[in-house]
Protein backbone atom coordinates (compact mmCIF):
# COMPACT_ATOMS: atom_id res chain seq x y z
CA UNK A 1 -4.79 -26.54 4.64
CA UNK A 2 -2.53 -23.54 5.19
CA UNK A 3 1.02 -23.77 3.95
CA UNK A 4 3.78 -21.88 5.73
CA UNK A 5 5.32 -19.01 3.82
CA UNK A 6 8.55 -19.98 2.08
CA UNK A 7 11.68 -18.70 3.76
CA UNK A 8 14.01 -16.60 1.69
CA UNK A 9 17.61 -17.55 1.28
CA UNK A 10 19.87 -14.56 2.00
CA UNK A 11 21.86 -13.21 -0.91
CA UNK A 12 25.48 -14.27 -1.08
CA UNK A 13 28.01 -11.42 -1.20
CA UNK A 14 28.51 -12.09 -4.92
CA UNK A 15 24.76 -12.05 -5.60
CA UNK A 16 24.46 -8.79 -3.71
CA UNK A 17 27.21 -7.14 -5.78
CA UNK A 18 25.63 -8.37 -9.02
CA UNK A 19 22.16 -7.24 -7.91
CA UNK A 20 23.39 -3.73 -7.11
CA UNK A 21 25.27 -3.51 -10.40
CA UNK A 22 22.24 -4.69 -12.35
CA UNK A 23 19.65 -2.54 -10.59
CA UNK A 24 21.52 0.79 -10.67
CA UNK A 25 20.98 1.29 -14.44
CA UNK A 26 17.29 0.37 -14.04
CA UNK A 27 16.78 2.88 -11.23
CA UNK A 28 18.70 5.66 -12.99
CA UNK A 29 16.59 5.10 -16.14
CA UNK A 30 13.36 5.37 -14.13
CA UNK A 31 14.60 8.45 -12.27
CA UNK A 32 15.47 10.18 -15.53
CA UNK A 33 12.11 9.27 -17.07
CA UNK A 34 9.71 9.87 -14.18
CA UNK A 35 11.70 11.16 -11.21
CA UNK A 36 10.88 8.16 -9.01
CA UNK A 37 11.15 4.40 -8.72
CA UNK A 38 8.99 2.19 -6.49
CA UNK A 39 9.47 -1.48 -5.67
CA UNK A 40 8.47 -3.99 -3.01
CA UNK A 41 11.14 -4.32 -0.34
CA UNK A 42 9.52 -6.26 2.47
CA UNK A 43 12.59 -7.50 4.32
CA UNK A 44 15.46 -5.64 5.98
CA UNK A 45 17.88 -7.23 3.51
CA UNK A 46 15.92 -5.91 0.51
CA UNK A 47 15.55 -2.45 2.04
CA UNK A 48 19.32 -2.34 2.59
CA UNK A 49 19.95 -3.52 -0.97
CA UNK A 50 17.66 -0.90 -2.52
CA UNK A 51 19.07 1.88 -0.33
CA UNK A 52 22.54 0.98 -1.58
CA UNK A 53 21.20 1.05 -5.15
CA UNK A 54 19.67 4.48 -4.46
CA UNK A 55 23.03 5.83 -3.23
CA UNK A 56 24.82 4.51 -6.29
CA UNK A 57 22.12 5.89 -8.61
CA UNK A 58 22.56 9.32 -7.04
CA UNK A 59 26.31 9.11 -7.56
CA UNK A 60 25.83 8.03 -11.19
CA UNK A 61 23.37 10.86 -11.86
CA UNK A 62 25.36 13.37 -9.78
CA UNK A 63 22.13 14.44 -8.08
CA UNK A 64 20.82 13.93 -4.56
CA UNK A 65 18.61 10.85 -4.33
CA UNK A 66 16.53 9.80 -1.32
CA UNK A 67 14.76 6.57 -0.49
CA UNK A 68 11.72 6.04 1.71
CA UNK A 69 10.80 2.61 3.06
CA UNK A 70 7.56 1.79 4.84
CA UNK A 71 8.08 -1.89 5.65
CA UNK A 72 6.51 -3.06 2.42
CA UNK A 73 7.70 -0.79 -0.38
CA UNK A 74 10.61 1.50 -1.02
CA UNK A 75 10.41 4.64 -3.12
CA UNK A 76 13.55 6.15 -4.60
CA UNK A 77 13.37 9.72 -5.89
CA UNK A 78 15.42 12.83 -6.40
CA UNK A 79 16.08 14.66 -3.13
CA UNK A 80 14.06 17.72 -2.25
CA UNK A 81 10.86 16.51 -3.94
CA UNK A 82 7.73 15.83 -1.86
CA UNK A 83 6.69 12.25 -1.19
CA UNK A 84 3.27 10.76 -0.57
CA UNK A 85 4.86 8.04 1.56
CA UNK A 86 4.73 8.49 5.32
CA UNK A 87 8.18 8.86 6.80
CA UNK A 88 9.05 7.65 10.26
CA UNK A 89 11.62 9.84 11.96
CA UNK A 90 13.13 9.20 15.36
CA UNK A 91 14.25 12.37 17.12
CA UNK A 92 16.70 12.44 19.97
CA UNK A 93 17.00 15.28 22.42
CA UNK A 94 20.47 16.58 22.94
CA UNK A 95 21.58 16.98 26.57
């Protein structure tokens, strides 16, 4: 018998603030040690959370930080360094 996948409960605003505050030191530590941080972020809410963490980590380190999401994982690294993750870019033509 197949069981349906459990549904996630969205983070409350307070949980989101605490998550960002708790994850920023973790990400900055990994960036200092190895230059990148990778984690599963398989929902739009988690991608948004980790992108916010990446921005704050960059501010804390006073260095440009970029994040790449592929629908399953997100990689956070210092800006200007090559990534092995495919990046989807949508271009718009100017009139």
